[in-house]
Structures are given as C-alpha cells and as structure tokens.
Amino acid sequence: MSKPCLMLALLLTAGAPPVYAQTDYYARAGAVGASNLLRDIIVSANTASEITVRQSIAPMVALGGSVAIAPRYRAGLEATLASGSYQSEESGVEADLGTLRTGSLMLGLEGPIAGDFRWRAGLGALLYLPSEETGIFLSGGATRWLAGAGADYRRPLLSSWDLMASMRYDFHRFTTGELERRDFSQAQGVSRISLSVGLARGLR
C-alpha cells in the first residue's frame, strides 16, 4: 500500500464514530412485594365489612439483556418470574388462597446517573398465574399492562463480570374476568417494589 493511501486510511479510522459497547446481559434473584390486589366494602344487614386480597412477599428471578442505541443509552428486554402465596382478609379473619405466580416482560431504556449507578424505565405486561381457578381467579388468570422504573448499581467483580444490585418499582391496574363478571367496574391500582442482586456481563 502506498504511503498516501496508508495515511488516508489512518485518518478515516481516526475520524470514524466509536463502536458502541457489546451486548449486555444479566441474571438476578431477590424478592418482590405488592400492594392489595383487591379492597372492597361489603354491606349486608346494616353492617359493613372490609375485604382485601393481597400477595405475600415473593421470591423472584430476573433475566435481561440490552444493546447500545447511543454512546450513553441502551435499549433492552427484562423478564421476571415470582412465586408466592396470596391471602384474603375479611373482618380480621385471614384465609390462604393458595399459590400465585406472576411473570412479566418489559421493554425499556437505560442510561447513566452517576458513577456506578444507572436508571431504567419501561413498559410491558404482567401475567397472573394462580395455582387454582378459584375466588377472584375463578375465570382464570389475568394479563395487565405494566409501567415501571428503577435503578441499578454495578461494580466490577471479575475481569468480565459485574456485581449488579437493582431496585424496581412498577404499577398496573388489576382486575380479572371474574371480578368484571361480578360487576366490579373499577380496576384496582397495584404497586410493586422489588430488590435483587446478581451478576451482569458486558458494558466493557
């Protein structure tokens, strides 16, 4: 290669935009807690009693990955699975309703906050999978739209692996086919908060 061509190639290489970071992927485990699935007042014979249905704090796992869409920002997909019990309470009396699993899939964006902290925000869907079709799930499970946000802390642990600690908050409107059949016209707002820790590879 002639000297002018070599110089031109070096200049073009130097002026090319930087290559974005490789695909990032991670796995985490933790726990998720949620507000009431249902709260209602039942009036009968001149008396009123409150009934609530709520999930227990449940163990969860999360898997995800992202790709760069700009030098500082990434787009990705995160899936979670949680399994725990849920209970009803009426007039101070609790009843175990069995096992309730939830699975979510969320498409989101992420970017830097400061230092080892990053933010996330996204939209997705949440699937309720009861162990038995009974009570509010007499007509089966339910799928609800989901919006969420959170923060990640990442710290290098090994040569190509990071320690990843995450906090997530999400919100959805809850109802089921059985509740709608019983003329519960308004959906209940449900907030969920999760804390988890795991390993991530990428962003190098």
C-alpha atoms as a PDB file:
ATOM      1  CA  MET A   1       0.000   0.000   0.000  1.00  0.00           C
ATOM      2  CA  SER A   2       1.361   3.424  -0.972  1.00  0.00           C
ATOM      3  CA  LYS A   3       2.172   5.957   1.752  1.00  0.00           C
ATOM      4  CA  PRO A   4      -0.676   8.414   0.747  1.00  0.00           C
ATOM      5  CA  CYS A   5      -3.254   5.586   0.854  1.00  0.00           C
ATOM      6  CA  LEU A   6      -1.980   4.429   4.260  1.00  0.00           C
ATOM      7  CA  MET A   7      -2.247   7.974   5.658  1.00  0.00           C
ATOM      8  CA  LEU A   8      -5.805   8.315   4.278  1.00  0.00           C
ATOM      9  CA  ALA A   9      -6.845   5.002   5.871  1.00  0.00           C
ATOM     10  CA  LEU A  10      -5.455   6.084   9.250  1.00  0.00           C
ATOM     11  CA  LEU A  11      -7.289   9.418   9.059  1.00  0.00           C
ATOM     12  CA  LEU A  12     -10.594   7.726   8.178  1.00  0.00           C
ATOM     13  CA  THR A  13     -10.179   5.274  11.065  1.00  0.00           C
ATOM     14  CA  ALA A  14      -9.436   8.081  13.500  1.00  0.00           C
ATOM     15  CA  GLY A  15     -12.479  10.049  12.341  1.00  0.00           C
ATOM     16  CA  ALA A  16     -14.925   7.126  12.476  1.00  0.00           C
ATOM     17  CA  PRO A  17     -17.586   7.162  15.235  1.00  0.00           C
ATOM     18  CA  PRO A  18     -16.774   4.978  18.263  1.00  0.00           C
ATOM     19  CA  VAL A  19     -18.119   1.430  18.291  1.00  0.00           C
ATOM     20  CA  TYR A  20     -20.822   1.052  20.929  1.00  0.00           C
ATOM     21  CA  ALA A  21     -20.392  -1.373  23.805  1.00  0.00           C
ATOM     22  CA  GLN A  22     -21.211  -5.028  23.314  1.00  0.00           C
ATOM     23  CA  THR A  23     -24.469  -6.693  24.236  1.00  0.00           C
ATOM     24  CA  ASP A  24     -25.084  -6.640  27.985  1.00  0.00           C
ATOM     25  CA  TYR A  25     -26.870  -9.470  29.785  1.00  0.00           C
ATOM     26  CA  TYR A  26     -27.577 -10.320  33.401  1.00  0.00           C
ATOM     27  CA  ALA A  27     -29.358 -12.554  35.910  1.00  0.00           C
ATOM     28  CA  ARG A  28     -30.611 -11.537  39.360  1.00  0.00           C
ATOM     29  CA  ALA A  29     -32.512 -13.052  42.294  1.00  0.00           C
ATOM     30  CA  GLY A  30     -34.407 -11.267  45.030  1.00  0.00           C
ATOM     31  CA  ALA A  31     -37.890 -10.561  46.385  1.00  0.00           C
ATOM     32  CA  VAL A  32     -40.932  -8.554  45.327  1.00  0.00           C
ATOM     33  CA  GLY A  33     -43.750  -7.096  47.414  1.00  0.00           C
ATOM     34  CA  ALA A  34     -47.061  -5.677  46.213  1.00  0.00           C
ATOM     35  CA  SER A  35     -49.988  -3.625  47.474  1.00  0.00           C
ATOM     36  CA  ASN A  36     -53.536  -5.002  47.676  1.00  0.00           C
ATOM     37  CA  LEU A  37     -54.948  -6.744  44.630  1.00  0.00           C
ATOM     38  CA  LEU A  38     -58.452  -6.018  45.869  1.00  0.00           C
ATOM     39  CA  ARG A  39     -60.038  -3.891  48.587  1.00  0.00           C
ATOM     40  CA  ASP A  40     -63.784  -3.614  48.904  1.00  0.00           C
ATOM     41  CA  ILE A  41     -66.503  -2.882  51.462  1.00  0.00           C
ATOM     42  CA  ILE A  42     -69.348  -5.399  51.677  1.00  0.00           C
ATOM     43  CA  VAL A  43     -72.598  -4.097  53.152  1.00  0.00           C
ATOM     44  CA  SER A  44     -75.243  -6.522  54.417  1.00  0.00           C
ATOM     45  CA  ALA A  45     -77.950  -6.382  57.096  1.00  0.00           C
ATOM     46  CA  ASN A  46     -76.955  -2.868  58.134  1.00  0.00           C
ATOM     47  CA  THR A  47     -73.351  -3.947  58.730  1.00  0.00           C
ATOM     48  CA  ALA A  48     -70.250  -3.271  56.675  1.00  0.00           C
ATOM     49  CA  SER A  49     -67.120  -5.381  56.480  1.00  0.00           C
ATOM     50  CA  GLU A  50     -63.903  -4.785  54.582  1.00  0.00           C
ATOM     51  CA  ILE A  51     -62.409  -7.492  52.418  1.00  0.00           C
ATOM     52  CA  THR A  52     -58.899  -7.394  50.981  1.00  0.00           C
ATOM     53  CA  VAL A  53     -56.856  -9.736  48.813  1.00  0.00           C
ATOM     54  CA  ARG A  54     -53.082  -9.380  48.928  1.00  0.00           C
ATOM     55  CA  GLN A  55     -49.977 -11.258  47.807  1.00  0.00           C
ATOM     56  CA  SER A  56     -47.185 -12.207  50.184  1.00  0.00           C
ATOM     57  CA  ILE A  57     -43.630 -11.026  49.629  1.00  0.00           C
ATOM     58  CA  ALA A  58     -42.427 -13.472  46.973  1.00  0.00           C
ATOM     59  CA  PRO A  59     -39.007 -14.698  45.801  1.00  0.00           C
ATOM     60  CA  MET A  60     -38.242 -13.695  42.228  1.00  0.00           C
ATOM     61  CA  VAL A  61     -35.700 -14.129  39.459  1.00  0.00           C
ATOM     62  CA  ALA A  62     -34.960 -11.725  36.618  1.00  0.00           C
ATOM     63  CA  LEU A  63     -33.183 -12.214  33.291  1.00  0.00           C
ATOM     64  CA  GLY A  64     -32.402  -9.462  30.829  1.00  0.00           C
ATOM     65  CA  GLY A  65     -30.207  -8.016  28.152  1.00  0.00           C
ATOM     66  CA  SER A  66     -29.652  -4.746  26.331  1.00  0.00           C
ATOM     67  CA  VAL A  67     -27.900  -3.265  23.318  1.00  0.00           C
ATOM     68  CA  ALA A  68     -26.499   0.222  22.816  1.00  0.00           C
ATOM     69  CA  ILE A  69     -28.610   2.710  20.859  1.00  0.00           C
ATOM     70  CA  ALA A  70     -26.357   5.702  21.610  1.00  0.00           C
ATOM     71  CA  PRO A  71     -22.997   6.188  23.349  1.00  0.00           C
ATOM     72  CA  ARG A  72     -24.661   6.630  26.768  1.00  0.00           C
ATOM     73  CA  TYR A  73     -28.030   4.912  26.343  1.00  0.00           C
ATOM     74  CA  ARG A  74     -29.227   1.345  25.832  1.00  0.00           C
ATOM     75  CA  ALA A  75     -32.488  -0.439  24.997  1.00  0.00           C
ATOM     76  CA  GLY A  76     -33.275  -3.825  26.430  1.00  0.00           C
ATOM     77  CA  LEU A  77     -35.713  -6.514  27.466  1.00  0.00           C
ATOM     78  CA  GLU A  78     -36.200  -7.811  31.021  1.00  0.00           C
ATOM     79  CA  ALA A  79     -38.248 -10.827  32.136  1.00  0.00           C
ATOM     80  CA  THR A  80     -39.146 -11.684  35.737  1.00  0.00           C
ATOM     81  CA  LEU A  81     -40.808 -14.633  37.434  1.00  0.00           C
ATOM     82  CA  ALA A  82     -42.091 -14.640  41.031  1.00  0.00           C
ATOM     83  CA  SER A  83     -43.972 -17.243  43.059  1.00  0.00           C
ATOM     84  CA  GLY A  84     -45.623 -16.806  46.449  1.00  0.00           C
ATOM     85  CA  SER A  85     -48.878 -17.151  48.318  1.00  0.00           C
ATOM     86  CA  TYR A  86     -51.852 -14.815  48.454  1.00  0.00           C
ATOM     87  CA  GLN A  87     -54.477 -14.331  51.131  1.00  0.00           C
ATOM     88  CA  SER A  88     -57.850 -12.765  51.726  1.00  0.00           C
ATOM     89  CA  GLU A  89     -58.865 -10.988  54.917  1.00  0.00           C
ATOM     90  CA  GLU A  90     -62.425 -10.235  55.979  1.00  0.00           C
ATOM     91  CA  SER A  91     -63.368  -8.771  59.367  1.00  0.00           C
ATOM     92  CA  GLY A  92     -59.916  -9.618  60.691  1.00  0.00           C
ATOM     93  CA  VAL A  93     -60.068 -13.265  59.593  1.00  0.00           C
ATOM     94  CA  GLU A  94     -57.406 -14.388  57.104  1.00  0.00           C
ATOM     95  CA  ALA A  95     -57.719 -17.219  54.585  1.00  0.00           C
ATOM     96  CA  ASP A  96     -54.935 -18.736  52.497  1.00  0.00           C
ATOM     97  CA  LEU A  97     -55.917 -18.794  48.824  1.00  0.00           C
ATOM     98  CA  GLY A  98     -53.003 -20.842  47.514  1.00  0.00           C
ATOM     99  CA  THR A  99     -50.046 -20.044  45.274  1.00  0.00           C
ATOM    100  CA  LEU A 100     -49.933 -17.103  42.880  1.00  0.00           C
ATOM    101  CA  ARG A 101     -47.180 -16.827  40.280  1.00  0.00           C
ATOM    102  CA  THR A 102     -46.504 -13.707  38.260  1.00  0.00           C
ATOM    103  CA  GLY A 103     -44.431 -13.288  35.135  1.00  0.00           C
ATOM    104  CA  SER A 104     -43.526 -10.004  33.472  1.00  0.00           C
ATOM    105  CA  LEU A 105     -41.851  -8.911  30.269  1.00  0.00           C
ATOM    106  CA  MET A 106     -40.748  -5.294  29.923  1.00  0.00           C
ATOM    107  CA  LEU A 107     -39.127  -3.355  27.092  1.00  0.00           C
ATOM    108  CA  GLY A 108     -37.110  -0.448  28.442  1.00  0.00           C
ATOM    109  CA  LEU A 109     -34.417   2.179  28.175  1.00  0.00           C
ATOM    110  CA  GLU A 110     -31.451   2.771  30.480  1.00  0.00           C
ATOM    111  CA  GLY A 111     -28.779   5.376  30.981  1.00  0.00           C
ATOM    112  CA  PRO A 112     -26.207   6.659  33.462  1.00  0.00           C
ATOM    113  CA  ILE A 113     -26.979   8.515  36.683  1.00  0.00           C
ATOM    114  CA  ALA A 114     -23.561   8.963  38.300  1.00  0.00           C
ATOM    115  CA  GLY A 115     -20.615   6.699  38.963  1.00  0.00           C
ATOM    116  CA  ASP A 116     -21.734   3.068  39.150  1.00  0.00           C
ATOM    117  CA  PHE A 117     -25.476   3.895  39.153  1.00  0.00           C
ATOM    118  CA  ARG A 118     -27.803   3.630  36.139  1.00  0.00           C
ATOM    119  CA  TRP A 119     -31.520   4.370  35.655  1.00  0.00           C
ATOM    120  CA  ARG A 120     -34.127   2.253  33.857  1.00  0.00           C
ATOM    121  CA  ALA A 121     -37.681   2.881  32.640  1.00  0.00           C
ATOM    122  CA  GLY A 122     -40.000   0.737  30.564  1.00  0.00           C
ATOM    123  CA  LEU A 123     -43.389  -0.621  29.536  1.00  0.00           C
ATOM    124  CA  GLY A 124     -44.563  -4.196  29.364  1.00  0.00           C
ATOM    125  CA  ALA A 125     -47.084  -6.787  30.505  1.00  0.00           C
ATOM    126  CA  LEU A 126     -47.666  -8.766  33.705  1.00  0.00           C
ATOM    127  CA  LEU A 127     -49.263 -12.219  33.764  1.00  0.00           C
ATOM    128  CA  TYR A 128     -51.012 -13.632  36.850  1.00  0.00           C
ATOM    129  CA  LEU A 129     -50.930 -17.432  37.120  1.00  0.00           C
ATOM    130  CA  PRO A 130     -52.906 -18.788  40.121  1.00  0.00           C
ATOM    131  CA  SER A 131     -52.391 -22.405  41.201  1.00  0.00           C
ATOM    132  CA  GLU A 132     -56.159 -22.871  41.318  1.00  0.00           C
ATOM    133  CA  GLU A 133     -59.003 -21.231  39.441  1.00  0.00           C
ATOM    134  CA  THR A 134     -60.987 -20.013  42.414  1.00  0.00           C
ATOM    135  CA  GLY A 135     -62.186 -16.780  44.030  1.00  0.00           C
ATOM    136  CA  ILE A 136     -61.161 -13.703  42.048  1.00  0.00           C
ATOM    137  CA  PHE A 137     -59.416 -16.046  39.573  1.00  0.00           C
ATOM    138  CA  LEU A 138     -62.417 -18.312  39.056  1.00  0.00           C
ATOM    139  CA  SER A 139     -62.336 -17.415  35.351  1.00  0.00           C
ATOM    140  CA  GLY A 140     -58.575 -17.987  35.111  1.00  0.00           C
ATOM    141  CA  GLY A 141     -55.523 -15.762  35.296  1.00  0.00           C
ATOM    142  CA  ALA A 142     -55.131 -12.231  34.009  1.00  0.00           C
ATOM    143  CA  THR A 143     -52.714 -10.182  31.905  1.00  0.00           C
ATOM    144  CA  ARG A 144     -52.264  -6.488  32.642  1.00  0.00           C
ATOM    145  CA  TRP A 145     -50.247  -3.654  31.096  1.00  0.00           C
ATOM    146  CA  LEU A 146     -47.315  -2.554  33.228  1.00  0.00           C
ATOM    147  CA  ALA A 147     -45.181   0.593  33.584  1.00  0.00           C
ATOM    148  CA  GLY A 148     -42.020   0.653  35.635  1.00  0.00           C
ATOM    149  CA  ALA A 149     -38.777   2.361  36.565  1.00  0.00           C
ATOM    150  CA  GLY A 150     -35.751   1.595  38.679  1.00  0.00           C
ATOM    151  CA  ALA A 151     -32.057   1.903  39.340  1.00  0.00           C
ATOM    152  CA  ASP A 152     -29.071  -0.437  39.081  1.00  0.00           C
ATOM    153  CA  TYR A 153     -25.750  -0.390  40.905  1.00  0.00           C
ATOM    154  CA  ARG A 154     -22.909  -2.150  39.084  1.00  0.00           C
ATOM    155  CA  ARG A 155     -19.445  -2.805  40.391  1.00  0.00           C
ATOM    156  CA  PRO A 156     -16.691  -4.816  38.651  1.00  0.00           C
ATOM    157  CA  LEU A 157     -16.313  -8.183  40.364  1.00  0.00           C
ATOM    158  CA  LEU A 158     -14.222 -10.265  37.960  1.00  0.00           C
ATOM    159  CA  SER A 159     -12.444  -9.498  34.713  1.00  0.00           C
ATOM    160  CA  SER A 160     -15.651  -9.579  32.652  1.00  0.00           C
ATOM    161  CA  TRP A 161     -18.401  -9.780  35.289  1.00  0.00           C
ATOM    162  CA  ASP A 162     -20.102  -7.102  37.404  1.00  0.00           C
ATOM    163  CA  LEU A 163     -21.929  -7.361  40.686  1.00  0.00           C
ATOM    164  CA  MET A 164     -25.411  -5.943  39.993  1.00  0.00           C
ATOM    165  CA  ALA A 165     -27.861  -4.744  42.655  1.00  0.00           C
ATOM    166  CA  SER A 166     -31.255  -3.493  41.481  1.00  0.00           C
ATOM    167  CA  MET A 167     -34.374  -1.807  42.768  1.00  0.00           C
ATOM    168  CA  ARG A 168     -37.549  -1.730  40.684  1.00  0.00           C
ATOM    169  CA  TYR A 169     -40.951  -0.091  41.019  1.00  0.00           C
ATOM    170  CA  ASP A 170     -43.862  -0.824  38.716  1.00  0.00           C
ATOM    171  CA  PHE A 171     -47.561  -0.073  38.558  1.00  0.00           C
ATOM    172  CA  HIS A 172     -50.578  -1.627  36.872  1.00  0.00           C
ATOM    173  CA  ARG A 173     -54.358  -1.676  37.094  1.00  0.00           C
ATOM    174  CA  PHE A 174     -55.634  -5.023  38.368  1.00  0.00           C
ATOM    175  CA  THR A 175     -58.868  -6.784  37.531  1.00  0.00           C
ATOM    176  CA  THR A 176     -59.886 -10.258  36.392  1.00  0.00           C
ATOM    177  CA  GLY A 177     -62.629 -11.753  34.286  1.00  0.00           C
ATOM    178  CA  GLU A 178     -64.365 -12.973  37.434  1.00  0.00           C
ATOM    179  CA  LEU A 179     -64.321  -9.517  39.052  1.00  0.00           C
ATOM    180  CA  GLU A 180     -65.764  -7.986  35.905  1.00  0.00           C
ATOM    181  CA  ARG A 181     -68.454 -10.683  35.834  1.00  0.00           C
ATOM    182  CA  ARG A 182     -69.371  -9.681  39.393  1.00  0.00           C
ATOM    183  CA  ASP A 183     -69.715  -6.033  38.289  1.00  0.00           C
ATOM    184  CA  PHE A 184     -66.507  -4.728  39.832  1.00  0.00           C
ATOM    185  CA  SER A 185     -66.318  -1.953  37.267  1.00  0.00           C
ATOM    186  CA  GLN A 186     -63.165  -0.206  38.545  1.00  0.00           C
ATOM    187  CA  ALA A 187     -59.733  -1.766  38.399  1.00  0.00           C
ATOM    188  CA  GLN A 188     -57.536  -1.624  41.500  1.00  0.00           C
ATOM    189  CA  GLY A 189     -54.202   0.185  41.227  1.00  0.00           C
ATOM    190  CA  VAL A 190     -51.359  -2.141  42.302  1.00  0.00           C
ATOM    191  CA  SER A 191     -47.811  -1.032  43.084  1.00  0.00           C
ATOM    192  CA  ARG A 192     -44.906  -3.466  43.267  1.00  0.00           C
ATOM    193  CA  ILE A 193     -41.373  -2.958  44.603  1.00  0.00           C
ATOM    194  CA  SER A 194     -38.531  -5.442  44.162  1.00  0.00           C
ATOM    195  CA  LEU A 195     -34.948  -5.701  45.395  1.00  0.00           C
ATOM    196  CA  SER A 196     -32.498  -8.127  43.795  1.00  0.00           C
ATOM    197  CA  VAL A 197     -28.813  -8.878  43.328  1.00  0.00           C
ATOM    198  CA  GLY A 198     -26.971 -10.844  40.668  1.00  0.00           C
ATOM    199  CA  LEU A 199     -24.276 -10.872  38.011  1.00  0.00           C
ATOM    200  CA  ALA A 200     -24.017  -8.954  34.749  1.00  0.00           C
ATOM    201  CA  ARG A 201     -21.658  -9.278  31.814  1.00  0.00           C
ATOM    202  CA  GLY A 202     -20.941  -6.538  29.320  1.00  0.00           C
ATOM    203  CA  LEU A 203     -20.506  -2.744  29.365  1.00  0.00           C
ATOM    204  CA  ARG A 204     -16.772  -3.164  28.913  1.00  0.00           C
END
